[in-house]
Amino acid sequence: MQRANILLALTQDGAATTIAAYLLASLFFKWVISWGGAQILAASKMAAWLCDFWGQADNPEQIRLCALILWILASVWALLWLLYLILKS
């Protein structure tokens, strides 16, 4: 019975939206960290919005570090939000 309640909680209150948004964000961070996105962002000077609060992102290593930190924060936020949705129901 408890398992059914947890599954019901995950299908209501935007949990599916949270999971979908987290998966899309994870795909973006994976692209930046592993698939060469950091070089593209560094070359086109488009990483300012990603790392603006830590200073200038001049090289791909800084961009990868910013993406990794933001990915960790997004993971913690998503897990806490899903835990809240489960406990709320």
N, C-alpha and C. Protein backbone atom coordinates (compact mmCIF):
# COMPACT_ATOMS: atom_id res chain seq x y z
N MET A 1 0.82 -1.19 0.00
CA MET A 1 0.00 0.00 0.00
C MET A 1 0.87 1.26 0.00
N GLN A 2 1.95 1.22 0.77
CA GLN A 2 2.84 2.38 0.83
C GLN A 2 3.49 2.64 -0.53
N ARG A 3 3.84 1.57 -1.24
CA ARG A 3 4.46 1.72 -2.55
C ARG A 3 3.49 2.38 -3.53
N ALA A 4 2.24 2.02 -3.47
CA ALA A 4 1.24 2.63 -4.35
C ALA A 4 1.08 4.11 -4.04
N ASN A 5 1.14 4.47 -2.77
CA ASN A 5 1.03 5.88 -2.40
C ASN A 5 2.22 6.68 -2.92
N ILE A 6 3.40 6.10 -2.87
CA ILE A 6 4.59 6.80 -3.38
C ILE A 6 4.48 6.98 -4.89
N LEU A 7 4.05 5.95 -5.60
CA LEU A 7 3.89 6.06 -7.05
C LEU A 7 2.82 7.07 -7.41
N LEU A 8 1.75 7.11 -6.63
CA LEU A 8 0.71 8.10 -6.87
C LEU A 8 1.23 9.51 -6.63
N ALA A 9 2.04 9.67 -5.60
CA ALA A 9 2.60 10.99 -5.31
C ALA A 9 3.53 11.46 -6.43
N LEU A 10 4.25 10.54 -7.05
CA LEU A 10 5.17 10.91 -8.11
C LEU A 10 4.45 11.29 -9.40
N THR A 11 3.22 10.84 -9.57
CA THR A 11 2.48 11.19 -10.78
C THR A 11 1.64 12.44 -10.60
N GLN A 12 1.57 12.96 -9.40
CA GLN A 12 0.78 14.17 -9.14
C GLN A 12 1.71 15.31 -8.74
N ASP A 13 1.16 16.49 -8.65
CA ASP A 13 1.84 17.67 -8.10
C ASP A 13 3.12 18.04 -8.83
N GLY A 14 3.22 17.75 -10.08
CA GLY A 14 4.37 18.19 -10.86
C GLY A 14 5.62 17.37 -10.70
N ALA A 15 5.53 16.18 -10.14
CA ALA A 15 6.72 15.35 -10.00
C ALA A 15 7.25 14.92 -11.36
N ALA A 16 6.35 14.60 -12.27
CA ALA A 16 6.78 14.21 -13.62
C ALA A 16 7.48 15.38 -14.31
N THR A 17 6.98 16.58 -14.10
CA THR A 17 7.62 17.77 -14.67
C THR A 17 8.99 17.98 -14.06
N THR A 18 9.10 17.77 -12.76
CA THR A 18 10.39 17.91 -12.08
C THR A 18 11.40 16.91 -12.62
N ILE A 19 10.97 15.68 -12.79
CA ILE A 19 11.87 14.65 -13.31
C ILE A 19 12.28 14.97 -14.75
N ALA A 20 11.34 15.40 -15.57
CA ALA A 20 11.66 15.73 -16.96
C ALA A 20 12.62 16.92 -17.03
N ALA A 21 12.37 17.95 -16.23
CA ALA A 21 13.26 19.11 -16.22
C ALA A 21 14.65 18.74 -15.73
N TYR A 22 14.72 17.88 -14.73
CA TYR A 22 16.03 17.45 -14.23
C TYR A 22 16.78 16.64 -15.29
N LEU A 23 16.09 15.78 -16.00
CA LEU A 23 16.75 15.00 -17.05
C LEU A 23 17.26 15.88 -18.18
N LEU A 24 16.48 16.90 -18.56
CA LEU A 24 16.94 17.82 -19.60
C LEU A 24 18.14 18.64 -19.12
N ALA A 25 18.10 19.10 -17.88
CA ALA A 25 19.23 19.85 -17.33
C ALA A 25 20.46 18.96 -17.24
N SER A 26 20.27 17.70 -16.85
CA SER A 26 21.39 16.77 -16.77
C SER A 26 22.01 16.52 -18.13
N LEU A 27 21.18 16.45 -19.15
CA LEU A 27 21.69 16.28 -20.51
C LEU A 27 22.53 17.48 -20.92
N PHE A 28 22.09 18.69 -20.58
CA PHE A 28 22.87 19.89 -20.88
C PHE A 28 24.20 19.88 -20.14
N PHE A 29 24.16 19.58 -18.83
CA PHE A 29 25.40 19.57 -18.06
C PHE A 29 26.35 18.48 -18.55
N LYS A 30 25.81 17.33 -18.95
CA LYS A 30 26.63 16.26 -19.51
C LYS A 30 27.29 16.73 -20.80
N TRP A 31 26.56 17.48 -21.61
CA TRP A 31 27.12 18.01 -22.85
C TRP A 31 28.27 18.97 -22.54
N VAL A 32 28.07 19.84 -21.56
CA VAL A 32 29.12 20.81 -21.22
C VAL A 32 30.35 20.10 -20.65
N ILE A 33 30.14 19.15 -19.76
CA ILE A 33 31.26 18.53 -19.06
C ILE A 33 31.99 17.51 -19.93
N SER A 34 31.27 16.67 -20.64
CA SER A 34 31.90 15.52 -21.30
C SER A 34 31.94 15.57 -22.82
N TRP A 35 30.99 16.19 -23.44
CA TRP A 35 30.85 16.06 -24.89
C TRP A 35 31.33 17.28 -25.67
N GLY A 36 32.18 18.10 -25.09
CA GLY A 36 32.78 19.20 -25.82
C GLY A 36 32.00 20.50 -25.79
N GLY A 37 30.98 20.58 -25.00
CA GLY A 37 30.21 21.81 -24.92
C GLY A 37 30.98 22.96 -24.30
N ALA A 38 31.91 22.65 -23.40
CA ALA A 38 32.70 23.70 -22.75
C ALA A 38 33.57 24.43 -23.77
N GLN A 39 34.14 23.70 -24.72
CA GLN A 39 34.95 24.35 -25.75
C GLN A 39 34.10 25.26 -26.62
N ILE A 40 32.91 24.82 -26.94
CA ILE A 40 32.03 25.64 -27.78
C ILE A 40 31.60 26.89 -27.03
N LEU A 41 31.25 26.74 -25.75
CA LEU A 41 30.85 27.90 -24.96
C LEU A 41 32.02 28.86 -24.75
N ALA A 42 33.22 28.34 -24.53
CA ALA A 42 34.38 29.20 -24.35
C ALA A 42 34.73 29.93 -25.64
N ALA A 43 34.64 29.23 -26.75
CA ALA A 43 34.99 29.85 -28.03
C ALA A 43 34.00 30.93 -28.44
N SER A 44 32.75 30.73 -28.10
CA SER A 44 31.74 31.71 -28.50
C SER A 44 31.44 32.73 -27.42
N LYS A 45 32.15 32.67 -26.30
CA LYS A 45 31.98 33.60 -25.18
C LYS A 45 30.55 33.60 -24.65
N MET A 46 29.89 32.43 -24.71
CA MET A 46 28.51 32.32 -24.25
C MET A 46 28.40 31.79 -22.83
N ALA A 47 29.51 31.59 -22.14
CA ALA A 47 29.47 31.00 -20.80
C ALA A 47 29.29 32.05 -19.71
N ALA A 48 29.16 33.30 -20.07
CA ALA A 48 29.02 34.34 -19.05
C ALA A 48 27.77 34.13 -18.21
N TRP A 49 26.68 33.70 -18.81
CA TRP A 49 25.45 33.47 -18.04
C TRP A 49 25.57 32.25 -17.15
N LEU A 50 26.46 31.30 -17.50
CA LEU A 50 26.61 30.08 -16.73
C LEU A 50 27.48 30.30 -15.50
N CYS A 51 28.50 31.12 -15.61
CA CYS A 51 29.49 31.27 -14.54
C CYS A 51 29.65 32.71 -14.09
N ASP A 52 28.70 33.56 -14.37
CA ASP A 52 28.86 34.98 -14.10
C ASP A 52 29.09 35.27 -12.62
N PHE A 53 28.47 34.51 -11.74
CA PHE A 53 28.60 34.80 -10.32
C PHE A 53 29.94 34.35 -9.75
N TRP A 54 30.76 33.60 -10.50
CA TRP A 54 32.10 33.22 -10.04
C TRP A 54 33.19 33.98 -10.77
N GLY A 55 32.84 34.91 -11.58
CA GLY A 55 33.83 35.64 -12.35
C GLY A 55 33.82 35.21 -13.80
N GLN A 56 34.80 35.66 -14.53
CA GLN A 56 34.86 35.35 -15.96
C GLN A 56 35.22 33.89 -16.19
N ALA A 57 34.55 33.28 -17.10
CA ALA A 57 34.86 31.91 -17.50
C ALA A 57 35.69 31.98 -18.77
N ASP A 58 37.00 32.03 -18.61
CA ASP A 58 37.89 32.25 -19.74
C ASP A 58 38.27 30.97 -20.47
N ASN A 59 38.25 29.84 -19.77
CA ASN A 59 38.70 28.61 -20.40
C ASN A 59 37.71 27.48 -20.13
N PRO A 60 37.80 26.41 -20.90
CA PRO A 60 36.85 25.30 -20.74
C PRO A 60 36.87 24.64 -19.36
N GLU A 61 38.03 24.66 -18.70
CA GLU A 61 38.10 24.03 -17.38
C GLU A 61 37.23 24.78 -16.37
N GLN A 62 37.24 26.10 -16.42
CA GLN A 62 36.39 26.88 -15.52
C GLN A 62 34.91 26.64 -15.84
N ILE A 63 34.59 26.54 -17.10
CA ILE A 63 33.20 26.30 -17.49
C ILE A 63 32.76 24.92 -17.02
N ARG A 64 33.64 23.92 -17.16
CA ARG A 64 33.30 22.58 -16.67
C ARG A 64 33.08 22.57 -15.16
N LEU A 65 33.92 23.29 -14.42
CA LEU A 65 33.76 23.36 -12.97
C LEU A 65 32.43 24.01 -12.60
N CYS A 66 32.10 25.11 -13.25
CA CYS A 66 30.81 25.77 -12.99
C CYS A 66 29.65 24.83 -13.30
N ALA A 67 29.74 24.13 -14.42
CA ALA A 67 28.67 23.21 -14.79
C ALA A 67 28.55 22.07 -13.79
N LEU A 68 29.67 21.57 -13.30
CA LEU A 68 29.64 20.50 -12.31
C LEU A 68 29.00 20.96 -11.01
N ILE A 69 29.36 22.14 -10.55
CA ILE A 69 28.77 22.67 -9.31
C ILE A 69 27.28 22.91 -9.48
N LEU A 70 26.89 23.48 -10.61
CA LEU A 70 25.46 23.70 -10.86
C LEU A 70 24.70 22.39 -11.00
N TRP A 71 25.33 21.38 -11.57
CA TRP A 71 24.69 20.07 -11.71
C TRP A 71 24.46 19.43 -10.34
N ILE A 72 25.44 19.56 -9.45
CA ILE A 72 25.28 19.04 -8.10
C ILE A 72 24.15 19.77 -7.38
N LEU A 73 24.11 21.09 -7.50
CA LEU A 73 23.03 21.85 -6.86
C LEU A 73 21.66 21.48 -7.44
N ALA A 74 21.59 21.30 -8.75
CA ALA A 74 20.32 20.89 -9.36
C ALA A 74 19.90 19.50 -8.91
N SER A 75 20.86 18.61 -8.73
CA SER A 75 20.54 17.26 -8.26
C SER A 75 20.00 17.28 -6.84
N VAL A 76 20.64 18.04 -5.98
CA VAL A 76 20.16 18.14 -4.59
C VAL A 76 18.77 18.76 -4.56
N TRP A 77 18.56 19.82 -5.34
CA TRP A 77 17.25 20.47 -5.37
C TRP A 77 16.17 19.50 -5.85
N ALA A 78 16.46 18.77 -6.92
CA ALA A 78 15.46 17.84 -7.46
C ALA A 78 15.14 16.73 -6.47
N LEU A 79 16.15 16.19 -5.82
CA LEU A 79 15.90 15.13 -4.84
C LEU A 79 15.10 15.63 -3.65
N LEU A 80 15.44 16.82 -3.17
CA LEU A 80 14.68 17.39 -2.04
C LEU A 80 13.24 17.68 -2.44
N TRP A 81 13.03 18.18 -3.64
CA TRP A 81 11.67 18.48 -4.09
C TRP A 81 10.85 17.20 -4.23
N LEU A 82 11.44 16.15 -4.80
CA LEU A 82 10.72 14.89 -4.92
C LEU A 82 10.44 14.28 -3.55
N LEU A 83 11.37 14.39 -2.64
CA LEU A 83 11.15 13.91 -1.27
C LEU A 83 10.01 14.69 -0.61
N TYR A 84 9.97 15.99 -0.84
CA TYR A 84 8.88 16.81 -0.31
C TYR A 84 7.54 16.36 -0.88
N LEU A 85 7.49 16.09 -2.17
CA LEU A 85 6.24 15.66 -2.79
C LEU A 85 5.78 14.31 -2.25
N ILE A 86 6.73 13.41 -1.99
CA ILE A 86 6.37 12.11 -1.44
C ILE A 86 5.87 12.24 -0.02
N LEU A 87 6.55 13.04 0.78
CA LEU A 87 6.16 13.18 2.19
C LEU A 87 4.87 13.98 2.35
N LYS A 88 4.60 14.86 1.40
CA LYS A 88 3.39 15.68 1.47
C LYS A 88 2.13 14.84 1.28
N SER A 89 2.23 13.80 0.48
CA SER A 89 1.03 13.01 0.20
C SER A 89 0.83 11.89 1.19
